């Protein structure tokens, strides 16, 4: 039994685990403390990218699910917007998958990174805008639906690109590029 425990512990990358727990914890806690989309959005998007490059795609996809739930629980998203949370989760996954795909296609280059960030931000924005626009029209009054659709449109594009910039600076500092 001792041998199995030692082999299991040997396979766990403590640095990756620490990075995952720290970044996931930050992504979980942030929406409870900061209720301003223009600060929370770029930081969360940067965290998603950092988890992707520091820990891996699977971990990044797990973390992509957390912030929208916490934004709802923390009050950044009003309770009436609970039905849009799955769409936010999917848009975060689209963002991460796009960055990963373009980065890998470009043979791990800065060009692939920026192409992934820009196209990922655009795809995230388009998906989120269309899906939130559709669901809010079904569930909310016209005036509120328009305000929600605006919140989930171009600010998402901008905060995703800003998150890409923040993550790039941190990854450069960590010598990952």
C-alpha atoms as a PDB file:
ATOM      1  CA  UNK A   1       0.000   0.000   0.000  1.00  0.00           C
ATOM      2  CA  UNK A   2       2.868   2.411   0.772  1.00  0.00           C
ATOM      3  CA  UNK A   3       4.315   1.913  -2.717  1.00  0.00           C
ATOM      4  CA  UNK A   4       1.024   2.888  -4.354  1.00  0.00           C
ATOM      5  CA  UNK A   5       0.797   6.073  -2.252  1.00  0.00           C
ATOM      6  CA  UNK A   6       4.368   7.038  -3.129  1.00  0.00           C
ATOM      7  CA  UNK A   7       3.797   6.426  -6.846  1.00  0.00           C
ATOM      8  CA  UNK A   8       0.596   8.477  -6.791  1.00  0.00           C
ATOM      9  CA  UNK A   9       2.297  11.369  -5.012  1.00  0.00           C
ATOM     10  CA  UNK A  10       5.215  11.185  -7.419  1.00  0.00           C
ATOM     11  CA  UNK A  11       2.840  11.666 -10.353  1.00  0.00           C
ATOM     12  CA  UNK A  12       1.240  14.767  -8.870  1.00  0.00           C
ATOM     13  CA  UNK A  13       2.988  17.890 -10.090  1.00  0.00           C
ATOM     14  CA  UNK A  14       2.950  19.998  -6.951  1.00  0.00           C
ATOM     15  CA  UNK A  15       3.735  23.221  -8.812  1.00  0.00           C
ATOM     16  CA  UNK A  16       0.853  22.725 -11.263  1.00  0.00           C
ATOM     17  CA  UNK A  17      -1.491  21.767  -8.451  1.00  0.00           C
ATOM     18  CA  UNK A  18      -0.519  24.865  -6.466  1.00  0.00           C
ATOM     19  CA  UNK A  19      -0.978  27.103  -9.504  1.00  0.00           C
ATOM     20  CA  UNK A  20      -4.356  25.545 -10.248  1.00  0.00           C
ATOM     21  CA  UNK A  21      -5.627  25.877  -6.676  1.00  0.00           C
ATOM     22  CA  UNK A  22      -4.348  29.451  -6.354  1.00  0.00           C
ATOM     23  CA  UNK A  23      -5.749  30.676  -9.662  1.00  0.00           C
ATOM     24  CA  UNK A  24      -9.027  28.774  -9.271  1.00  0.00           C
ATOM     25  CA  UNK A  25      -9.381  30.210  -5.768  1.00  0.00           C
ATOM     26  CA  UNK A  26      -8.785  33.721  -7.078  1.00  0.00           C
ATOM     27  CA  UNK A  27     -11.319  33.201  -9.890  1.00  0.00           C
ATOM     28  CA  UNK A  28     -13.805  31.927  -7.318  1.00  0.00           C
ATOM     29  CA  UNK A  29     -13.313  34.710  -4.771  1.00  0.00           C
ATOM     30  CA  UNK A  30     -12.899  37.727  -7.057  1.00  0.00           C
ATOM     31  CA  UNK A  31     -16.585  38.185  -8.022  1.00  0.00           C
ATOM     32  CA  UNK A  32     -17.498  38.349  -4.326  1.00  0.00           C
ATOM     33  CA  UNK A  33     -15.218  41.325  -3.719  1.00  0.00           C
ATOM     34  CA  UNK A  34     -15.110  43.277  -6.967  1.00  0.00           C
ATOM     35  CA  UNK A  35     -18.447  44.202  -8.510  1.00  0.00           C
ATOM     36  CA  UNK A  36     -17.176  46.196 -11.446  1.00  0.00           C
ATOM     37  CA  UNK A  37     -17.247  44.385 -14.796  1.00  0.00           C
ATOM     38  CA  UNK A  38     -14.347  46.428 -16.207  1.00  0.00           C
ATOM     39  CA  UNK A  39     -12.023  45.171 -13.471  1.00  0.00           C
ATOM     40  CA  UNK A  40     -13.402  41.697 -12.812  1.00  0.00           C
ATOM     41  CA  UNK A  41     -13.718  40.750 -16.510  1.00  0.00           C
ATOM     42  CA  UNK A  42     -10.089  41.290 -17.570  1.00  0.00           C
ATOM     43  CA  UNK A  43      -8.758  39.642 -14.402  1.00  0.00           C
ATOM     44  CA  UNK A  44     -10.967  36.561 -14.832  1.00  0.00           C
ATOM     45  CA  UNK A  45     -10.049  36.269 -18.526  1.00  0.00           C
ATOM     46  CA  UNK A  46      -6.354  36.607 -17.618  1.00  0.00           C
ATOM     47  CA  UNK A  47      -6.767  33.872 -14.999  1.00  0.00           C
ATOM     48  CA  UNK A  48      -8.380  31.568 -17.574  1.00  0.00           C
ATOM     49  CA  UNK A  49      -5.433  32.087 -19.925  1.00  0.00           C
ATOM     50  CA  UNK A  50      -2.872  31.686 -17.137  1.00  0.00           C
ATOM     51  CA  UNK A  51      -4.422  28.382 -16.071  1.00  0.00           C
ATOM     52  CA  UNK A  52      -4.358  27.261 -19.713  1.00  0.00           C
ATOM     53  CA  UNK A  53      -0.638  27.969 -20.105  1.00  0.00           C
ATOM     54  CA  UNK A  54       0.554  27.083 -16.614  1.00  0.00           C
ATOM     55  CA  UNK A  55      -1.563  24.033 -15.815  1.00  0.00           C
ATOM     56  CA  UNK A  56      -3.266  22.834 -19.002  1.00  0.00           C
ATOM     57  CA  UNK A  57      -6.422  22.806 -21.078  1.00  0.00           C
ATOM     58  CA  UNK A  58      -8.498  20.538 -18.829  1.00  0.00           C
ATOM     59  CA  UNK A  59      -7.827  22.640 -15.764  1.00  0.00           C
ATOM     60  CA  UNK A  60      -8.569  25.831 -17.704  1.00  0.00           C
ATOM     61  CA  UNK A  61     -11.927  24.429 -18.799  1.00  0.00           C
ATOM     62  CA  UNK A  62     -12.774  23.550 -15.194  1.00  0.00           C
ATOM     63  CA  UNK A  63     -11.876  27.062 -14.038  1.00  0.00           C
ATOM     64  CA  UNK A  64     -13.926  28.504 -16.940  1.00  0.00           C
ATOM     65  CA  UNK A  65     -17.070  27.172 -15.268  1.00  0.00           C
ATOM     66  CA  UNK A  66     -16.508  28.777 -11.875  1.00  0.00           C
ATOM     67  CA  UNK A  67     -16.462  32.605 -12.296  1.00  0.00           C
ATOM     68  CA  UNK A  68     -19.954  32.937 -13.745  1.00  0.00           C
ATOM     69  CA  UNK A  69     -21.457  30.965 -10.865  1.00  0.00           C
ATOM     70  CA  UNK A  70     -19.548  33.114  -8.402  1.00  0.00           C
ATOM     71  CA  UNK A  71     -20.573  36.310 -10.215  1.00  0.00           C
ATOM     72  CA  UNK A  72     -24.179  35.229  -9.752  1.00  0.00           C
ATOM     73  CA  UNK A  73     -23.655  34.251  -6.110  1.00  0.00           C
ATOM     74  CA  UNK A  74     -21.609  37.380  -5.386  1.00  0.00           C
ATOM     75  CA  UNK A  75     -24.098  39.799  -6.896  1.00  0.00           C
ATOM     76  CA  UNK A  76     -22.136  40.915  -9.976  1.00  0.00           C
ATOM     77  CA  UNK A  77     -24.910  39.258 -12.000  1.00  0.00           C
ATOM     78  CA  UNK A  78     -28.444  39.895 -10.727  1.00  0.00           C
ATOM     79  CA  UNK A  79     -30.415  36.756  -9.797  1.00  0.00           C
ATOM     80  CA  UNK A  80     -32.807  37.359 -12.683  1.00  0.00           C
ATOM     81  CA  UNK A  81     -29.880  36.594 -15.018  1.00  0.00           C
ATOM     82  CA  UNK A  82     -29.328  33.068 -13.671  1.00  0.00           C
ATOM     83  CA  UNK A  83     -30.504  31.543 -16.994  1.00  0.00           C
ATOM     84  CA  UNK A  84     -27.571  33.174 -18.840  1.00  0.00           C
ATOM     85  CA  UNK A  85     -24.913  31.554 -16.609  1.00  0.00           C
ATOM     86  CA  UNK A  86     -24.560  28.391 -18.759  1.00  0.00           C
ATOM     87  CA  UNK A  87     -24.003  30.595 -21.810  1.00  0.00           C
ATOM     88  CA  UNK A  88     -21.279  32.533 -19.997  1.00  0.00           C
ATOM     89  CA  UNK A  89     -19.634  29.210 -19.104  1.00  0.00           C
ATOM     90  CA  UNK A  90     -19.759  28.069 -22.726  1.00  0.00           C
ATOM     91  CA  UNK A  91     -18.369  31.404 -23.929  1.00  0.00           C
ATOM     92  CA  UNK A  92     -15.433  31.067 -21.517  1.00  0.00           C
ATOM     93  CA  UNK A  93     -14.778  27.564 -22.861  1.00  0.00           C
ATOM     94  CA  UNK A  94     -14.914  28.884 -26.443  1.00  0.00           C
ATOM     95  CA  UNK A  95     -12.373  31.560 -25.502  1.00  0.00           C
ATOM     96  CA  UNK A  96      -9.970  29.046 -23.919  1.00  0.00           C
ATOM     97  CA  UNK A  97     -10.317  26.433 -26.676  1.00  0.00           C
ATOM     98  CA  UNK A  98      -9.727  29.027 -29.404  1.00  0.00           C
ATOM     99  CA  UNK A  99      -6.563  30.340 -27.761  1.00  0.00           C
ATOM    100  CA  UNK A 100      -5.258  26.817 -27.220  1.00  0.00           C
ATOM    101  CA  UNK A 101      -5.990  25.747 -30.794  1.00  0.00           C
ATOM    102  CA  UNK A 102      -4.377  28.758 -32.479  1.00  0.00           C
ATOM    103  CA  UNK A 103      -1.377  28.713 -30.156  1.00  0.00           C
ATOM    104  CA  UNK A 104      -0.758  25.040 -30.939  1.00  0.00           C
ATOM    105  CA  UNK A 105      -1.349  25.510 -34.686  1.00  0.00           C
ATOM    106  CA  UNK A 106       1.228  28.298 -34.782  1.00  0.00           C
ATOM    107  CA  UNK A 107       3.796  26.022 -33.133  1.00  0.00           C
ATOM    108  CA  UNK A 108       3.649  27.774 -29.765  1.00  0.00           C
ATOM    109  CA  UNK A 109       4.388  31.272 -31.002  1.00  0.00           C
ATOM    110  CA  UNK A 110       3.371  34.730 -29.850  1.00  0.00           C
ATOM    111  CA  UNK A 111       1.580  35.150 -33.177  1.00  0.00           C
ATOM    112  CA  UNK A 112      -0.599  32.131 -32.421  1.00  0.00           C
ATOM    113  CA  UNK A 113      -1.261  33.462 -28.940  1.00  0.00           C
ATOM    114  CA  UNK A 114      -2.505  36.833 -30.170  1.00  0.00           C
ATOM    115  CA  UNK A 115      -4.485  35.305 -33.018  1.00  0.00           C
ATOM    116  CA  UNK A 116      -6.124  32.980 -30.487  1.00  0.00           C
ATOM    117  CA  UNK A 117      -6.853  35.808 -28.054  1.00  0.00           C
ATOM    118  CA  UNK A 118      -8.348  38.066 -30.726  1.00  0.00           C
ATOM    119  CA  UNK A 119     -10.428  35.392 -32.449  1.00  0.00           C
ATOM    120  CA  UNK A 120     -11.333  33.820 -29.116  1.00  0.00           C
ATOM    121  CA  UNK A 121     -12.533  37.198 -27.840  1.00  0.00           C
ATOM    122  CA  UNK A 122     -14.585  37.740 -30.994  1.00  0.00           C
ATOM    123  CA  UNK A 123     -16.123  34.253 -30.842  1.00  0.00           C
ATOM    124  CA  UNK A 124     -16.854  34.671 -27.131  1.00  0.00           C
ATOM    125  CA  UNK A 125     -18.482  38.038 -27.789  1.00  0.00           C
ATOM    126  CA  UNK A 126     -20.590  36.809 -30.730  1.00  0.00           C
ATOM    127  CA  UNK A 127     -21.736  33.638 -28.960  1.00  0.00           C
ATOM    128  CA  UNK A 128     -22.541  35.457 -25.738  1.00  0.00           C
ATOM    129  CA  UNK A 129     -24.286  38.353 -27.442  1.00  0.00           C
ATOM    130  CA  UNK A 130     -26.494  36.123 -29.600  1.00  0.00           C
ATOM    131  CA  UNK A 131     -27.360  33.624 -26.878  1.00  0.00           C
ATOM    132  CA  UNK A 132     -27.980  36.214 -24.156  1.00  0.00           C
ATOM    133  CA  UNK A 133     -29.986  38.360 -26.555  1.00  0.00           C
ATOM    134  CA  UNK A 134     -32.152  35.357 -27.384  1.00  0.00           C
ATOM    135  CA  UNK A 135     -32.679  34.133 -23.821  1.00  0.00           C
ATOM    136  CA  UNK A 136     -33.296  37.560 -22.297  1.00  0.00           C
ATOM    137  CA  UNK A 137     -35.949  38.350 -24.898  1.00  0.00           C
ATOM    138  CA  UNK A 138     -37.742  35.197 -23.811  1.00  0.00           C
ATOM    139  CA  UNK A 139     -37.481  35.865 -20.084  1.00  0.00           C
ATOM    140  CA  UNK A 140     -37.188  39.604 -19.450  1.00  0.00           C
ATOM    141  CA  UNK A 141     -39.019  42.823 -20.223  1.00  0.00           C
ATOM    142  CA  UNK A 142     -37.834  44.615 -23.341  1.00  0.00           C
ATOM    143  CA  UNK A 143     -35.958  47.434 -21.547  1.00  0.00           C
ATOM    144  CA  UNK A 144     -34.126  45.101 -19.158  1.00  0.00           C
ATOM    145  CA  UNK A 145     -33.345  42.653 -21.966  1.00  0.00           C
ATOM    146  CA  UNK A 146     -31.637  45.429 -23.935  1.00  0.00           C
ATOM    147  CA  UNK A 147     -29.530  46.468 -20.915  1.00  0.00           C
ATOM    148  CA  UNK A 148     -28.469  42.877 -20.250  1.00  0.00           C
ATOM    149  CA  UNK A 149     -27.652  42.264 -23.909  1.00  0.00           C
ATOM    150  CA  UNK A 150     -25.472  45.386 -23.863  1.00  0.00           C
ATOM    151  CA  UNK A 151     -23.647  44.177 -20.729  1.00  0.00           C
ATOM    152  CA  UNK A 152     -22.933  40.866 -22.446  1.00  0.00           C
ATOM    153  CA  UNK A 153     -21.873  42.327 -25.803  1.00  0.00           C
ATOM    154  CA  UNK A 154     -18.925  44.583 -26.596  1.00  0.00           C
ATOM    155  CA  UNK A 155     -17.698  44.790 -22.955  1.00  0.00           C
ATOM    156  CA  UNK A 156     -17.082  41.031 -23.174  1.00  0.00           C
ATOM    157  CA  UNK A 157     -14.946  41.556 -26.269  1.00  0.00           C
ATOM    158  CA  UNK A 158     -12.934  44.302 -24.580  1.00  0.00           C
ATOM    159  CA  UNK A 159     -12.463  42.485 -21.275  1.00  0.00           C
ATOM    160  CA  UNK A 160     -11.339  39.314 -23.077  1.00  0.00           C
ATOM    161  CA  UNK A 161      -8.684  41.226 -25.048  1.00  0.00           C
ATOM    162  CA  UNK A 162      -7.570  43.092 -21.910  1.00  0.00           C
ATOM    163  CA  UNK A 163      -7.351  39.752 -20.096  1.00  0.00           C
ATOM    164  CA  UNK A 164      -5.177  38.455 -22.937  1.00  0.00           C
ATOM    165  CA  UNK A 165      -2.875  41.449 -22.535  1.00  0.00           C
ATOM    166  CA  UNK A 166      -2.607  40.989 -18.757  1.00  0.00           C
ATOM    167  CA  UNK A 167      -1.919  37.259 -19.146  1.00  0.00           C
ATOM    168  CA  UNK A 168       0.693  37.916 -21.850  1.00  0.00           C
ATOM    169  CA  UNK A 169       2.600  40.311 -19.578  1.00  0.00           C
ATOM    170  CA  UNK A 170       2.516  37.803 -16.707  1.00  0.00           C
ATOM    171  CA  UNK A 171       3.525  34.890 -18.952  1.00  0.00           C
ATOM    172  CA  UNK A 172       6.396  36.973 -20.374  1.00  0.00           C
ATOM    173  CA  UNK A 173       7.487  37.790 -16.831  1.00  0.00           C
ATOM    174  CA  UNK A 174       7.345  34.068 -15.971  1.00  0.00           C
ATOM    175  CA  UNK A 175       9.386  33.402 -19.138  1.00  0.00           C
ATOM    176  CA  UNK A 176       6.675  31.222 -20.696  1.00  0.00           C
ATOM    177  CA  UNK A 177       7.027  33.074 -24.017  1.00  0.00           C
END
